[in-house]
Protein backbone atom coordinates (compact mmCIF):
# COMPACT_ATOMS: atom_id res chain seq x y z
CA MET A 1 -0.19 -0.08 0.02
CA LYS A 2 2.57 2.49 -0.96
CA ARG A 3 -0.15 5.24 0.49
CA TRP A 4 0.99 4.55 3.62
CA TYR A 5 4.79 5.63 2.34
CA PHE A 6 2.90 9.20 2.24
CA THR A 7 1.56 9.04 5.50
CA PHE A 8 4.59 8.73 7.17
CA PHE A 9 6.09 11.41 5.59
CA LEU A 10 3.34 13.80 6.63
CA LEU A 11 3.53 12.61 9.70
CA PHE A 12 7.08 14.00 10.33
CA GLY A 13 5.71 17.42 8.67
CA TRP A 14 4.03 19.07 12.03
CA TRP A 15 5.57 17.08 15.18
CA VAL A 16 6.82 19.79 17.71
CA ALA A 17 6.99 20.00 21.79
CA SER A 18 4.14 21.22 22.94
CA PHE A 19 1.03 23.01 20.57
CA ALA A 20 -0.77 25.90 21.85
CA ALA A 21 -3.92 24.84 23.37
CA VAL A 22 -5.88 26.32 20.22
CA PRO A 23 -6.07 24.23 17.56
CA HIS A 24 -6.24 26.94 14.94
CA GLU A 25 -3.20 27.75 16.60
CA ALA A 26 -1.84 24.49 16.07
CA GLN A 27 -2.15 24.63 12.48
CA SER A 28 0.38 27.69 12.71
CA LEU A 29 2.68 25.14 14.52
CA VAL A 30 2.93 22.53 11.92
CA LYS A 31 3.61 24.41 9.25
CA ALA A 32 6.12 26.16 10.76
CA THR A 33 8.09 22.83 12.39
CA SER A 34 7.13 21.11 8.65
CA ASP A 35 9.23 23.94 7.05
CA LYS A 36 12.76 23.11 9.42
CA VAL A 37 12.24 19.64 9.00
CA ILE A 38 11.95 19.45 5.41
CA ALA A 39 14.43 22.06 5.19
CA ARG A 40 16.86 19.73 7.42
CA ILE A 41 16.07 16.57 4.76
CA LYS A 42 16.79 18.57 2.12
CA THR A 43 20.05 19.43 3.60
CA GLU A 44 21.02 15.66 4.90
CA ARG A 45 19.09 13.72 2.32
CA GLU A 46 22.57 11.89 1.01
CA ALA A 47 23.73 10.82 4.56
CA LEU A 48 20.31 9.85 5.52
CA ARG A 49 20.29 7.84 2.57
CA ALA A 50 23.30 6.21 3.05
CA ASP A 51 23.43 5.63 7.32
CA PRO A 52 19.79 4.15 8.30
CA LYS A 53 20.57 4.37 11.53
CA ARG A 54 20.84 8.40 11.01
CA LEU A 55 17.54 8.80 9.18
CA TYR A 56 16.17 6.27 12.54
CA ASN A 57 17.28 8.53 14.90
CA LEU A 58 15.99 11.58 12.86
CA VAL A 59 12.43 9.95 12.99
CA HIS A 60 12.77 9.07 16.88
CA GLU A 61 14.31 12.85 17.68
CA LEU A 62 11.64 14.78 15.14
CA ILE A 63 8.24 12.24 15.33
CA LEU A 64 7.55 9.78 17.97
CA PRO A 65 7.99 11.62 20.89
CA HIS A 66 4.97 13.57 19.72
CA PHE A 67 2.59 10.37 19.35
CA ASP A 68 0.77 8.73 21.86
CA PHE A 69 2.31 5.12 21.66
CA VAL A 70 0.36 3.88 24.68
CA ARG A 71 -3.18 5.00 23.48
CA ILE A 72 -2.14 4.25 20.12
CA SER A 73 -1.18 0.44 21.22
CA GLN A 74 -4.60 0.31 23.33
CA TRP A 75 -6.68 1.18 19.91
CA VAL A 76 -4.63 -1.26 17.86
CA LEU A 77 -5.09 -4.32 20.58
CA GLY A 78 -8.06 -3.48 21.66
CA LYS A 79 -9.65 -6.52 23.74
CA HIS A 80 -5.97 -8.19 24.09
CA TRP A 81 -4.68 -4.58 25.79
CA ARG A 82 -6.96 -5.43 28.45
CA THR A 83 -5.96 -8.47 28.85
CA ALA A 84 -2.18 -8.08 28.45
CA ASN A 85 -0.15 -8.25 31.21
CA PRO A 86 2.47 -5.39 32.46
CA GLN A 87 5.60 -7.02 30.55
CA GLN A 88 3.09 -7.56 27.49
CA ARG A 89 1.86 -4.02 26.63
CA SER A 90 5.78 -2.75 27.45
CA LYS A 91 6.87 -5.40 24.53
CA PHE A 92 4.28 -4.64 22.54
CA ILE A 93 4.90 -0.79 22.27
CA GLU A 94 8.48 -1.00 22.44
CA GLU A 95 8.34 -3.46 19.23
CA PHE A 96 5.79 -1.72 17.52
CA ARG A 97 7.08 1.96 17.80
CA THR A 98 10.24 -0.21 15.92
CA LEU A 99 7.95 -1.32 13.40
CA LEU A 100 6.81 2.26 12.75
CA VAL A 101 10.44 3.60 12.24
CA ARG A 102 11.62 0.95 10.31
CA THR A 103 8.53 0.67 7.67
CA TYR A 104 8.61 4.21 6.92
CA ALA A 105 11.70 6.15 7.19
CA MET A 106 12.74 6.29 3.89
CA ALA A 107 9.50 7.64 3.20
CA LEU A 108 11.28 10.69 4.37
CA LEU A 109 13.68 10.75 1.99
CA GLU A 110 10.86 10.17 -0.99
CA TYR A 111 8.24 12.71 -0.13
CA ALA A 112 9.64 15.44 1.47
CA ASP A 113 9.68 17.37 -2.06
CA ARG A 114 6.23 16.64 -2.07
CA PRO A 115 4.05 20.12 -1.72
CA ILE A 116 1.31 19.69 1.45
CA LYS A 117 -1.77 22.01 1.79
CA TYR A 118 -3.06 22.99 5.01
CA LEU A 119 -7.07 22.82 5.13
CA PRO A 120 -8.96 25.07 7.37
CA VAL A 121 -9.04 23.92 10.99
CA HIS A 122 -12.83 23.29 12.22
CA ALA A 123 -13.00 22.60 16.24
CA ASP A 124 -13.95 23.54 19.49
CA PRO A 125 -11.17 25.58 21.26
CA GLN A 126 -11.85 23.80 24.37
CA GLY A 127 -12.16 20.51 22.96
CA GLU A 128 -10.07 17.65 23.98
CA THR A 129 -9.57 16.65 20.34
CA VAL A 130 -8.71 18.37 17.10
CA THR A 131 -9.21 16.49 13.24
CA ILE A 132 -5.66 18.35 11.56
CA LYS A 133 -6.76 17.99 7.69
CA THR A 134 -4.13 18.10 5.37
CA GLU A 135 -3.18 17.00 1.48
CA VAL A 136 -0.13 16.06 -0.24
CA GLU A 137 0.56 15.71 -3.96
CA GLY A 138 0.31 12.18 -5.07
CA PRO A 139 1.26 10.48 -8.12
CA GLY A 140 -0.41 12.49 -11.20
CA ASN A 141 -0.30 15.21 -9.12
CA GLN A 142 -3.36 13.42 -6.79
CA PRO A 143 -4.02 15.20 -4.01
CA VAL A 144 -4.06 12.37 -1.31
CA PRO A 145 -6.27 13.68 1.86
CA MET A 146 -4.04 12.74 5.16
CA ASN A 147 -5.76 13.59 8.56
CA TYR A 148 -4.26 13.35 12.23
CA ARG A 149 -6.28 12.76 15.23
CA LEU A 150 -5.11 14.86 18.34
CA HIS A 151 -5.51 14.71 21.96
CA ARG A 152 -4.83 16.69 24.87
CA LYS A 153 -2.37 15.05 27.01
CA GLY A 154 -1.66 17.73 29.92
CA ASN A 155 -0.26 20.21 28.07
CA GLU A 156 0.26 19.13 24.95
CA TRP A 157 -1.48 17.35 22.01
CA LYS A 158 -0.37 13.75 21.20
CA VAL A 159 -1.53 11.64 17.78
CA PHE A 160 -2.98 9.26 18.69
CA ASP A 161 -4.35 8.79 14.67
CA VAL A 162 -3.59 8.96 11.01
CA SER A 163 -5.94 8.60 7.87
CA VAL A 164 -4.88 8.04 4.53
CA ASP A 165 -7.15 8.69 1.52
CA GLY A 166 -9.78 7.73 4.32
CA VAL A 167 -8.07 4.72 5.89
CA SER A 168 -6.88 5.00 9.23
CA LEU A 169 -3.33 3.47 10.48
CA ILE A 170 -5.34 2.25 13.60
CA SER A 171 -7.71 0.24 11.84
CA THR A 172 -5.00 -1.26 9.09
CA TYR A 173 -2.85 -2.52 11.92
CA ARG A 174 -5.47 -3.59 14.78
CA ALA A 175 -7.55 -6.02 12.07
CA SER A 176 -4.00 -7.19 11.04
CA PHE A 177 -2.65 -7.70 14.32
CA ALA A 178 -5.91 -9.18 15.52
CA SER A 179 -5.56 -12.10 12.84
CA GLU A 180 -2.28 -13.05 14.35
CA ILE A 181 -3.42 -12.99 17.69
CA ARG A 182 -6.46 -15.22 16.81
CA GLN A 183 -3.61 -17.50 15.21
CA GLY A 184 -1.06 -17.56 17.75
CA GLY A 185 -1.66 -15.19 20.98
CA LEU A 186 0.14 -12.24 21.92
CA ASP A 187 3.14 -13.44 22.74
CA ALA A 188 3.27 -14.35 19.45
CA LEU A 189 2.81 -11.51 17.49
CA ILE A 190 5.19 -9.43 19.63
CA SER A 191 7.96 -12.44 19.22
CA SER A 192 7.08 -11.78 15.45
CA LEU A 193 7.24 -7.77 15.45
CA GLU A 194 11.00 -8.63 17.79
CA THR A 195 12.14 -10.98 14.61
CA LYS A 196 10.65 -8.71 11.86
CA ASN A 197 12.79 -5.95 13.71
CA THR A 198 15.78 -7.88 14.54
CA ARG A 199 15.94 -9.05 10.38
CA VAL A 200 15.20 -5.33 9.00
CA THR A 201 18.34 -3.68 11.68
CA SER A 202 20.86 -6.40 10.73
CA ASN A 203 20.21 -6.05 7.28
CA SER A 204 20.90 -2.25 7.56
CA ALA A 205 24.13 -2.55 9.12
CA ASN A 206 25.30 -5.44 7.06
CA THR A 207 24.59 -4.02 4.08
CA GLY A 208 25.49 -0.24 4.97
CA LYS A 209 22.37 0.64 2.72
CA SER A 210 19.01 2.12 4.01
CA PRO A 211 15.94 -0.69 4.27
CA SER A 212 14.04 -1.65 1.06
CA LYS A 213 10.44 -0.46 1.51
CA THR A 214 7.95 -2.45 3.02
CA THR A 215 4.07 -2.31 3.64
CA PRO A 216 2.35 -2.30 7.16
CA ARG A 217 1.76 -6.09 8.58
């Protein structure tokens, strides 16, 4: 699903340490942060392409701190989160986070030159959630809608879902993971994620090249 490469590209464009309390102010910060990150990627493109670890570190630094992975994991696992023990929950979050980094890091390089259109924000300033709508230029110059759902967590806004062309990231992983859990249980899913992450990391280290494109599980 090539559209998911667009997803990760747009994810990095507007993460900031602390969004303003008013959703409309968040959009101005989104654009300012997007411009800064895109400029850095363009400057370091060849170095990032040659060194996967550097690319992964960029993702960790600029993107992941602004995701609520606990809430995302709760939604992705659904009822299985409620029956998981603390060790299983912690390990799943760790491996799921790594999966997203490894899967989509290359999209940062491939789509940094794509123009982004920020659509008007319509939200209750006192609300606890907000949806920021954007469009990115896709194949054939057709706009691909990207929507980001955030919720207020303390004094920050945190991402808890992303939809690409109407398809939710959480729903996609939830269906895939539910199938694996039915077949082998939660521990088997976690082990599968760990194996995949280890293999991709090992291959990148051995070849000295960025990982090949992959799609969501």
